[in-house]
Amino acid sequence: MAITKTTTVQRIEVYPLADSSAPDTANTKHPTVMVVYEDMLDDSEDAELPVTATRVKYLNKFVEDGGEATDYSTEDALVRTVCGAIWA
């Protein structure tokens, strides 16, 4: 019995910056990314599976205002491309 997990990006939304006069180190000075992921758990030997769960993740340019940049290197390739483009 081996359960496999498959994650796919269902949707990416980019929200515009909230305050153009904020300091460059503030998250409100940069767009925010919302990613909707779908996780599917499956086991070919289990009639109760597959099970699908949806999760939402919000990404800001910085971990906190004035802090380090958010590490999005483990996100899906499309998410990395979008974040890299809007936060360049």
PDB file of N, CA and C in Angstrom:
ATOM      1  N   MET A   1       0.846  -1.169   0.000  1.00  0.00           N
ATOM      2  CA  MET A   1       0.000   0.000   0.000  1.00  0.00           C
ATOM      3  C   MET A   1       0.896   1.238   0.000  1.00  0.00           C
ATOM      4  N   ALA A   2       1.003   1.856  -1.151  1.00  0.00           N
ATOM      5  CA  ALA A   2       1.826   3.059  -1.279  1.00  0.00           C
ATOM      6  C   ALA A   2       0.956   4.212  -1.750  1.00  0.00           C
ATOM      7  N   ILE A   3       0.814   5.187  -0.894  1.00  0.00           N
ATOM      8  CA  ILE A   3       0.015   6.355  -1.247  1.00  0.00           C
ATOM      9  C   ILE A   3       0.904   7.339  -1.998  1.00  0.00           C
ATOM     10  N   THR A   4       0.392   7.820  -3.114  1.00  0.00           N
ATOM     11  CA  THR A   4       1.118   8.819  -3.889  1.00  0.00           C
ATOM     12  C   THR A   4       0.385  10.149  -3.807  1.00  0.00           C
ATOM     13  N   LYS A   5       1.147  11.213  -3.817  1.00  0.00           N
ATOM     14  CA  LYS A   5       0.582  12.560  -3.767  1.00  0.00           C
ATOM     15  C   LYS A   5       0.972  13.289  -5.046  1.00  0.00           C
ATOM     16  N   THR A   6      -0.025  13.854  -5.699  1.00  0.00           N
ATOM     17  CA  THR A   6       0.204  14.645  -6.895  1.00  0.00           C
ATOM     18  C   THR A   6      -0.330  16.047  -6.638  1.00  0.00           C
ATOM     19  N   THR A   7       0.498  17.040  -6.875  1.00  0.00           N
ATOM     20  CA  THR A   7       0.096  18.429  -6.662  1.00  0.00           C
ATOM     21  C   THR A   7       0.093  19.158  -7.993  1.00  0.00           C
ATOM     22  N   THR A   8      -1.001  19.872  -8.263  1.00  0.00           N
ATOM     23  CA  THR A   8      -1.095  20.681  -9.474  1.00  0.00           C
ATOM     24  C   THR A   8      -1.545  22.090  -9.112  1.00  0.00           C
ATOM     25  N   VAL A   9      -1.100  23.035  -9.911  1.00  0.00           N
ATOM     26  CA  VAL A   9      -1.535  24.418  -9.742  1.00  0.00           C
ATOM     27  C   VAL A   9      -2.872  24.565 -10.459  1.00  0.00           C
ATOM     28  N   GLN A  10      -3.870  25.009  -9.730  1.00  0.00           N
ATOM     29  CA  GLN A  10      -5.185  25.236 -10.315  1.00  0.00           C
ATOM     30  C   GLN A  10      -5.353  26.668 -10.799  1.00  0.00           C
ATOM     31  N   ARG A  11      -4.753  27.596 -10.060  1.00  0.00           N
ATOM     32  CA  ARG A  11      -4.934  29.008 -10.404  1.00  0.00           C
ATOM     33  C   ARG A  11      -3.852  29.828  -9.723  1.00  0.00           C
ATOM     34  N   ILE A  12      -3.411  30.873 -10.412  1.00  0.00           N
ATOM     35  CA  ILE A  12      -2.502  31.871  -9.836  1.00  0.00           C
ATOM     36  C   ILE A  12      -3.145  33.226 -10.056  1.00  0.00           C
ATOM     37  N   GLU A  13      -3.219  34.004  -8.990  1.00  0.00           N
ATOM     38  CA  GLU A  13      -3.734  35.367  -9.097  1.00  0.00           C
ATOM     39  C   GLU A  13      -2.675  36.316  -8.567  1.00  0.00           C
ATOM     40  N   VAL A  14      -2.500  37.426  -9.260  1.00  0.00           N
ATOM     41  CA  VAL A  14      -1.565  38.457  -8.830  1.00  0.00           C
ATOM     42  C   VAL A  14      -2.374  39.678  -8.439  1.00  0.00           C
ATOM     43  N   TYR A  15      -2.162  40.135  -7.219  1.00  0.00           N
ATOM     44  CA  TYR A  15      -2.852  41.321  -6.710  1.00  0.00           C
ATOM     45  C   TYR A  15      -1.900  42.502  -6.760  1.00  0.00           C
ATOM     46  N   PRO A  16      -2.373  43.646  -7.224  1.00  0.00           N
ATOM     47  CA  PRO A  16      -1.480  44.801  -7.368  1.00  0.00           C
ATOM     48  C   PRO A  16      -0.983  45.314  -6.027  1.00  0.00           C
ATOM     49  N   LEU A  17       0.080  46.101  -6.103  1.00  0.00           N
ATOM     50  CA  LEU A  17       0.623  46.685  -4.884  1.00  0.00           C
ATOM     51  C   LEU A  17      -0.436  47.548  -4.209  1.00  0.00           C
ATOM     52  N   ALA A  18      -0.353  47.651  -2.914  1.00  0.00           N
ATOM     53  CA  ALA A  18      -1.367  48.379  -2.143  1.00  0.00           C
ATOM     54  C   ALA A  18      -0.979  49.826  -1.879  1.00  0.00           C
ATOM     55  N   ASP A  19       0.334  50.117  -1.864  1.00  0.00           N
ATOM     56  CA  ASP A  19       0.779  51.462  -1.499  1.00  0.00           C
ATOM     57  C   ASP A  19       2.060  51.804  -2.254  1.00  0.00           C
ATOM     58  N   SER A  20       1.927  52.565  -3.330  1.00  0.00           N
ATOM     59  CA  SER A  20       3.090  52.904  -4.154  1.00  0.00           C
ATOM     60  C   SER A  20       4.069  53.834  -3.438  1.00  0.00           C
ATOM     61  N   SER A  21       3.631  54.486  -2.358  1.00  0.00           N
ATOM     62  CA  SER A  21       4.521  55.391  -1.625  1.00  0.00           C
ATOM     63  C   SER A  21       5.234  54.689  -0.459  1.00  0.00           C
ATOM     64  N   ALA A  22       4.964  53.410  -0.255  1.00  0.00           N
ATOM     65  CA  ALA A  22       5.609  52.658   0.829  1.00  0.00           C
ATOM     66  C   ALA A  22       7.093  52.463   0.515  1.00  0.00           C
ATOM     67  N   PRO A  23       7.906  52.219   1.538  1.00  0.00           N
ATOM     68  CA  PRO A  23       9.335  51.937   1.292  1.00  0.00           C
ATOM     69  C   PRO A  23       9.496  50.671   0.440  1.00  0.00           C
ATOM     70  N   ASP A  24      10.604  50.590  -0.293  1.00  0.00           N
ATOM     71  CA  ASP A  24      10.849  49.433  -1.161  1.00  0.00           C
ATOM     72  C   ASP A  24      10.907  48.123  -0.395  1.00  0.00           C
ATOM     73  N   THR A  25      11.163  48.171   0.901  1.00  0.00           N
ATOM     74  CA  THR A  25      11.269  46.957   1.718  1.00  0.00           C
ATOM     75  C   THR A  25       9.928  46.551   2.337  1.00  0.00           C
ATOM     76  N   ALA A  26       8.862  47.236   1.978  1.00  0.00           N
ATOM     77  CA  ALA A  26       7.530  46.914   2.507  1.00  0.00           C
ATOM     78  C   ALA A  26       6.781  46.033   1.518  1.00  0.00           C
ATOM     79  N   ASN A  27       6.065  45.039   2.020  1.00  0.00           N
ATOM     80  CA  ASN A  27       5.285  44.166   1.143  1.00  0.00           C
ATOM     81  C   ASN A  27       4.183  44.919   0.404  1.00  0.00           C
ATOM     82  N   THR A  28       3.663  45.981   0.989  1.00  0.00           N
ATOM     83  CA  THR A  28       2.597  46.738   0.330  1.00  0.00           C
ATOM     84  C   THR A  28       3.093  47.478  -0.914  1.00  0.00           C
ATOM     85  N   LYS A  29       4.396  47.573  -1.099  1.00  0.00           N
ATOM     86  CA  LYS A  29       4.991  48.232  -2.266  1.00  0.00           C
ATOM     87  C   LYS A  29       5.079  47.277  -3.461  1.00  0.00           C
ATOM     88  N   HIS A  30       4.779  46.002  -3.243  1.00  0.00           N
ATOM     89  CA  HIS A  30       4.955  44.976  -4.273  1.00  0.00           C
ATOM     90  C   HIS A  30       3.680  44.154  -4.432  1.00  0.00           C
ATOM     91  N   PRO A  31       3.466  43.596  -5.632  1.00  0.00           N
ATOM     92  CA  PRO A  31       2.296  42.729  -5.830  1.00  0.00           C
ATOM     93  C   PRO A  31       2.361  41.493  -4.934  1.00  0.00           C
ATOM     94  N   THR A  32       1.197  40.944  -4.642  1.00  0.00           N
ATOM     95  CA  THR A  32       1.065  39.705  -3.866  1.00  0.00           C
ATOM     96  C   THR A  32       0.583  38.604  -4.800  1.00  0.00           C
ATOM     97  N   VAL A  33       1.042  37.391  -4.561  1.00  0.00           N
ATOM     98  CA  VAL A  33       0.651  36.244  -5.387  1.00  0.00           C
ATOM     99  C   VAL A  33      -0.193  35.290  -4.554  1.00  0.00           C
ATOM    100  N   MET A  34      -1.313  34.864  -5.118  1.00  0.00           N
ATOM    101  CA  MET A  34      -2.132  33.826  -4.494  1.00  0.00           C
ATOM    102  C   MET A  34      -2.101  32.604  -5.416  1.00  0.00           C
ATOM    103  N   VAL A  35      -1.761  31.466  -4.842  1.00  0.00           N
ATOM    104  CA  VAL A  35      -1.706  30.222  -5.610  1.00  0.00           C
ATOM    105  C   VAL A  35      -2.723  29.250  -5.036  1.00  0.00           C
ATOM    106  N   VAL A  36      -3.524  28.655  -5.902  1.00  0.00           N
ATOM    107  CA  VAL A  36      -4.461  27.609  -5.488  1.00  0.00           C
ATOM    108  C   VAL A  36      -3.893  26.288  -5.997  1.00  0.00           C
ATOM    109  N   TYR A  37      -3.544  25.418  -5.046  1.00  0.00           N
ATOM    110  CA  TYR A  37      -3.018  24.095  -5.373  1.00  0.00           C
ATOM    111  C   TYR A  37      -4.095  23.041  -5.166  1.00  0.00           C
ATOM    112  N   GLU A  38      -4.024  21.984  -5.947  1.00  0.00           N
ATOM    113  CA  GLU A  38      -4.877  20.816  -5.734  1.00  0.00           C
ATOM    114  C   GLU A  38      -3.959  19.630  -5.456  1.00  0.00           C
ATOM    115  N   ASP A  39      -4.123  19.025  -4.293  1.00  0.00           N
ATOM    116  CA  ASP A  39      -3.350  17.848  -3.904  1.00  0.00           C
ATOM    117  C   ASP A  39      -4.235  16.613  -4.037  1.00  0.00           C
ATOM    118  N   MET A  40      -3.754  15.613  -4.761  1.00  0.00           N
ATOM    119  CA  MET A  40      -4.501  14.369  -4.904  1.00  0.00           C
ATOM    120  C   MET A  40      -3.698  13.239  -4.277  1.00  0.00           C
ATOM    121  N   LEU A  41      -4.335  12.525  -3.352  1.00  0.00           N
ATOM    122  CA  LEU A  41      -3.731  11.356  -2.716  1.00  0.00           C
ATOM    123  C   LEU A  41      -4.396  10.118  -3.291  1.00  0.00           C
ATOM    124  N   ASP A  42      -3.578   9.166  -3.726  1.00  0.00           N
ATOM    125  CA  ASP A  42      -4.138   7.988  -4.379  1.00  0.00           C
ATOM    126  C   ASP A  42      -3.353   6.737  -4.001  1.00  0.00           C
ATOM    127  N   ASP A  43      -4.066   5.628  -4.025  1.00  0.00           N
ATOM    128  CA  ASP A  43      -3.481   4.305  -3.822  1.00  0.00           C
ATOM    129  C   ASP A  43      -4.331   3.346  -4.635  1.00  0.00           C
ATOM    130  N   SER A  44      -3.733   2.689  -5.595  1.00  0.00           N
ATOM    131  CA  SER A  44      -4.491   1.802  -6.492  1.00  0.00           C
ATOM    132  C   SER A  44      -5.141   0.629  -5.755  1.00  0.00           C
ATOM    133  N   GLU A  45      -4.658   0.313  -4.547  1.00  0.00           N
ATOM    134  CA  GLU A  45      -5.206  -0.802  -3.782  1.00  0.00           C
ATOM    135  C   GLU A  45      -6.306  -0.364  -2.811  1.00  0.00           C
ATOM    136  N   ASP A  46      -6.633   0.917  -2.779  1.00  0.00           N
ATOM    137  CA  ASP A  46      -7.616   1.436  -1.831  1.00  0.00           C
ATOM    138  C   ASP A  46      -8.814   2.002  -2.579  1.00  0.00           C
ATOM    139  N   ALA A  47      -9.964   1.374  -2.385  1.00  0.00           N
ATOM    140  CA  ALA A  47     -11.183   1.807  -3.073  1.00  0.00           C
ATOM    141  C   ALA A  47     -11.678   3.172  -2.592  1.00  0.00           C
ATOM    142  N   GLU A  48     -11.246   3.613  -1.430  1.00  0.00           N
ATOM    143  CA  GLU A  48     -11.656   4.902  -0.876  1.00  0.00           C
ATOM    144  C   GLU A  48     -10.912   6.078  -1.530  1.00  0.00           C
ATOM    145  N   LEU A  49      -9.845   5.786  -2.233  1.00  0.00           N
ATOM    146  CA  LEU A  49      -9.030   6.827  -2.854  1.00  0.00           C
ATOM    147  C   LEU A  49      -9.264   6.855  -4.350  1.00  0.00           C
ATOM    148  N   PRO A  50      -9.055   7.937  -5.040  1.00  0.00           N
ATOM    149  CA  PRO A  50      -8.303   9.103  -4.642  1.00  0.00           C
ATOM    150  C   PRO A  50      -9.121  10.098  -3.825  1.00  0.00           C
ATOM    151  N   VAL A  51      -8.380  10.923  -3.095  1.00  0.00           N
ATOM    152  CA  VAL A  51      -8.952  12.025  -2.331  1.00  0.00           C
ATOM    153  C   VAL A  51      -8.265  13.295  -2.817  1.00  0.00           C
ATOM    154  N   THR A  52      -9.052  14.327  -3.024  1.00  0.00           N
ATOM    155  CA  THR A  52      -8.500  15.592  -3.501  1.00  0.00           C
ATOM    156  C   THR A  52      -8.729  16.676  -2.456  1.00  0.00           C
ATOM    157  N   ALA A  53      -7.710  17.471  -2.227  1.00  0.00           N
ATOM    158  CA  ALA A  53      -7.798  18.600  -1.297  1.00  0.00           C
ATOM    159  C   ALA A  53      -7.276  19.845  -2.001  1.00  0.00           C
ATOM    160  N   THR A  54      -7.935  20.952  -1.755  1.00  0.00           N
ATOM    161  CA  THR A  54      -7.512  22.237  -2.312  1.00  0.00           C
ATOM    162  C   THR A  54      -6.894  23.066  -1.205  1.00  0.00           C
ATOM    163  N   ARG A  55      -5.780  23.717  -1.518  1.00  0.00           N
ATOM    164  CA  ARG A  55      -5.160  24.612  -0.539  1.00  0.00           C
ATOM    165  C   ARG A  55      -4.745  25.900  -1.232  1.00  0.00           C
ATOM    166  N   VAL A  56      -4.778  26.966  -0.465  1.00  0.00           N
ATOM    167  CA  VAL A  56      -4.450  28.288  -0.984  1.00  0.00           C
ATOM    168  C   VAL A  56      -3.213  28.798  -0.265  1.00  0.00           C
ATOM    169  N   LYS A  57      -2.299  29.389  -1.018  1.00  0.00           N
ATOM    170  CA  LYS A  57      -1.066  29.914  -0.453  1.00  0.00           C
ATOM    171  C   LYS A  57      -0.857  31.338  -0.967  1.00  0.00           C
ATOM    172  N   TYR A  58      -0.563  32.251  -0.046  1.00  0.00           N
ATOM    173  CA  TYR A  58      -0.272  33.637  -0.391  1.00  0.00           C
ATOM    174  C   TYR A  58       1.222  33.874  -0.262  1.00  0.00           C
ATOM    175  N   LEU A  59       1.791  34.514  -1.268  1.00  0.00           N
ATOM    176  CA  LEU A  59       3.221  34.803  -1.267  1.00  0.00           C
ATOM    177  C   LEU A  59       3.433  36.310  -1.376  1.00  0.00           C
ATOM    178  N   ASN A  60       4.250  36.839  -0.481  1.00  0.00           N
ATOM    179  CA  ASN A  60       4.660  38.235  -0.516  1.00  0.00           C
ATOM    180  C   ASN A  60       6.126  38.285  -0.896  1.00  0.00           C
ATOM    181  N   LYS A  61       6.587  39.431  -1.373  1.00  0.00           N
ATOM    182  CA  LYS A  61       7.981  39.560  -1.774  1.00  0.00           C
ATOM    183  C   LYS A  61       8.929  39.323  -0.601  1.00  0.00           C
ATOM    184  N   PHE A  62       8.533  39.781   0.583  1.00  0.00           N
ATOM    185  CA  PHE A  62       9.383  39.632   1.763  1.00  0.00           C
ATOM    186  C   PHE A  62       8.688  38.769   2.813  1.00  0.00           C
ATOM    187  N   VAL A  63       9.492  38.058   3.604  1.00  0.00           N
ATOM    188  CA  VAL A  63       8.952  37.243   4.689  1.00  0.00           C
ATOM    189  C   VAL A  63       8.170  38.140   5.647  1.00  0.00           C
ATOM    190  N   GLU A  64       8.738  39.307   5.928  1.00  0.00           N
ATOM    191  CA  GLU A  64       8.068  40.350   6.715  1.00  0.00           C
ATOM    192  C   GLU A  64       8.623  41.677   6.225  1.00  0.00           C
ATOM    193  N   ASP A  65       7.921  42.762   6.473  1.00  0.00           N
ATOM    194  CA  ASP A  65       8.415  44.064   6.027  1.00  0.00           C
ATOM    195  C   ASP A  65       9.835  44.286   6.523  1.00  0.00           C
ATOM    196  N   GLY A  66      10.709  44.657   5.595  1.00  0.00           N
ATOM    197  CA  GLY A  66      12.099  44.908   5.944  1.00  0.00           C
ATOM    198  C   GLY A  66      12.925  43.656   6.137  1.00  0.00           C
ATOM    199  N   GLY A  67      12.309  42.492   5.982  1.00  0.00           N
ATOM    200  CA  GLY A  67      13.012  41.224   6.200  1.00  0.00           C
ATOM    201  C   GLY A  67      13.604  40.658   4.927  1.00  0.00           C
ATOM    202  N   GLU A  68      13.973  39.403   5.023  1.00  0.00           N
ATOM    203  CA  GLU A  68      14.557  38.710   3.885  1.00  0.00           C
ATOM    204  C   GLU A  68      13.511  38.469   2.809  1.00  0.00           C
ATOM    205  N   ALA A  69      13.988  38.298   1.579  1.00  0.00           N
ATOM    206  CA  ALA A  69      13.093  37.975   0.474  1.00  0.00           C
ATOM    207  C   ALA A  69      12.477  36.592   0.704  1.00  0.00           C
ATOM    208  N   THR A  70      11.256  36.417   0.279  1.00  0.00           N
ATOM    209  CA  THR A  70      10.576  35.132   0.400  1.00  0.00           C
ATOM    210  C   THR A  70      11.262  34.105  -0.492  1.00  0.00           C
ATOM    211  N   ASP A  71      11.520  32.930   0.053  1.00  0.00           N
ATOM    212  CA  ASP A  71      12.118  31.836  -0.718  1.00  0.00           C
ATOM    213  C   ASP A  71      10.986  31.042  -1.365  1.00  0.00           C
ATOM    214  N   TYR A  72      10.823  31.206  -2.660  1.00  0.00           N
ATOM    215  CA  TYR A  72       9.770  30.488  -3.380  1.00  0.00           C
ATOM    216  C   TYR A  72      10.371  29.428  -4.306  1.00  0.00           C
ATOM    217  N   SER A  73      11.613  29.047  -4.037  1.00  0.00           N
ATOM    218  CA  SER A  73      12.327  28.099  -4.893  1.00  0.00           C
ATOM    219  C   SER A  73      11.725  26.697  -4.896  1.00  0.00           C
ATOM    220  N   THR A  74      10.921  26.354  -3.902  1.00  0.00           N
ATOM    221  CA  THR A  74      10.318  25.020  -3.865  1.00  0.00           C
ATOM    222  C   THR A  74       8.911  24.996  -4.454  1.00  0.00           C
ATOM    223  N   GLU A  75       8.444  26.152  -4.910  1.00  0.00           N
ATOM    224  CA  GLU A  75       7.115  26.217  -5.514  1.00  0.00           C
ATOM    225  C   GLU A  75       7.147  25.631  -6.922  1.00  0.00           C
ATOM    226  N   ASP A  76       5.991  25.401  -7.477  1.00  0.00           N
ATOM    227  CA  ASP A  76       5.844  24.920  -8.844  1.00  0.00           C
ATOM    228  C   ASP A  76       6.588  25.857  -9.813  1.00  0.00           C
ATOM    229  N   ALA A  77       7.057  25.320 -10.928  1.00  0.00           N
ATOM    230  CA  ALA A  77       7.825  26.111 -11.903  1.00  0.00           C
ATOM    231  C   ALA A  77       7.053  27.331 -12.394  1.00  0.00           C
ATOM    232  N   LEU A  78       5.766  27.187 -12.628  1.00  0.00           N
ATOM    233  CA  LEU A  78       4.962  28.321 -13.093  1.00  0.00           C
ATOM    234  C   LEU A  78       4.890  29.405 -12.027  1.00  0.00           C
ATOM    235  N   VAL A  79       4.747  29.012 -10.783  1.00  0.00           N
ATOM    236  CA  VAL A  79       4.709  29.964  -9.668  1.00  0.00           C
ATOM    237  C   VAL A  79       6.043  30.693  -9.567  1.00  0.00           C
ATOM    238  N   ARG A  80       7.138  29.968  -9.703  1.00  0.00           N
ATOM    239  CA  ARG A  80       8.472  30.591  -9.665  1.00  0.00           C
ATOM    240  C   ARG A  80       8.625  31.609 -10.791  1.00  0.00           C
ATOM    241  N   THR A  81       8.138  31.269 -11.967  1.00  0.00           N
ATOM    242  CA  THR A  81       8.228  32.175 -13.114  1.00  0.00           C
ATOM    243  C   THR A  81       7.435  33.450 -12.860  1.00  0.00           C
ATOM    244  N   VAL A  82       6.220  33.312 -12.354  1.00  0.00           N
ATOM    245  CA  VAL A  82       5.377  34.482 -12.079  1.00  0.00           C
ATOM    246  C   VAL A  82       6.014  35.347 -11.010  1.00  0.00           C
ATOM    247  N   CYS A  83       6.436  34.751  -9.911  1.00  0.00           N
ATOM    248  CA  CYS A  83       7.059  35.527  -8.824  1.00  0.00           C
ATOM    249  C   CYS A  83       8.319  36.225  -9.309  1.00  0.00           C
ATOM    250  N   GLY A  84       9.136  35.527 -10.052  1.00  0.00           N
ATOM    251  CA  GLY A  84      10.361  36.120 -10.567  1.00  0.00           C
ATOM    252  C   GLY A  84      10.083  37.301 -11.492  1.00  0.00           C
ATOM    253  N   ALA A  85       9.031  37.199 -12.271  1.00  0.00           N
ATOM    254  CA  ALA A  85       8.687  38.272 -13.201  1.00  0.00           C
ATOM    255  C   ALA A  85       8.148  39.499 -12.505  1.00  0.00           C
ATOM    256  N   ILE A  86       7.272  39.308 -11.537  1.00  0.00           N
ATOM    257  CA  ILE A  86       6.637  40.486 -10.922  1.00  0.00           C
ATOM    258  C   ILE A  86       7.504  41.118  -9.845  1.00  0.00           C
ATOM    259  N   TRP A  87       8.444  40.374  -9.283  1.00  0.00           N
ATOM    260  CA  TRP A  87       9.294  40.929  -8.227  1.00  0.00           C
ATOM    261  C   TRP A  87      10.705  41.277  -8.718  1.00  0.00           C
ATOM    262  N   ALA A  88      10.920  41.237 -10.028  1.00  0.00           N
ATOM    263  CA  ALA A  88      12.248  41.555 -10.587  1.00  0.00           C
ATOM    264  C   ALA A  88      12.568  43.029 -10.405  1.00  0.00           C
TER     265      ALA A  88
END
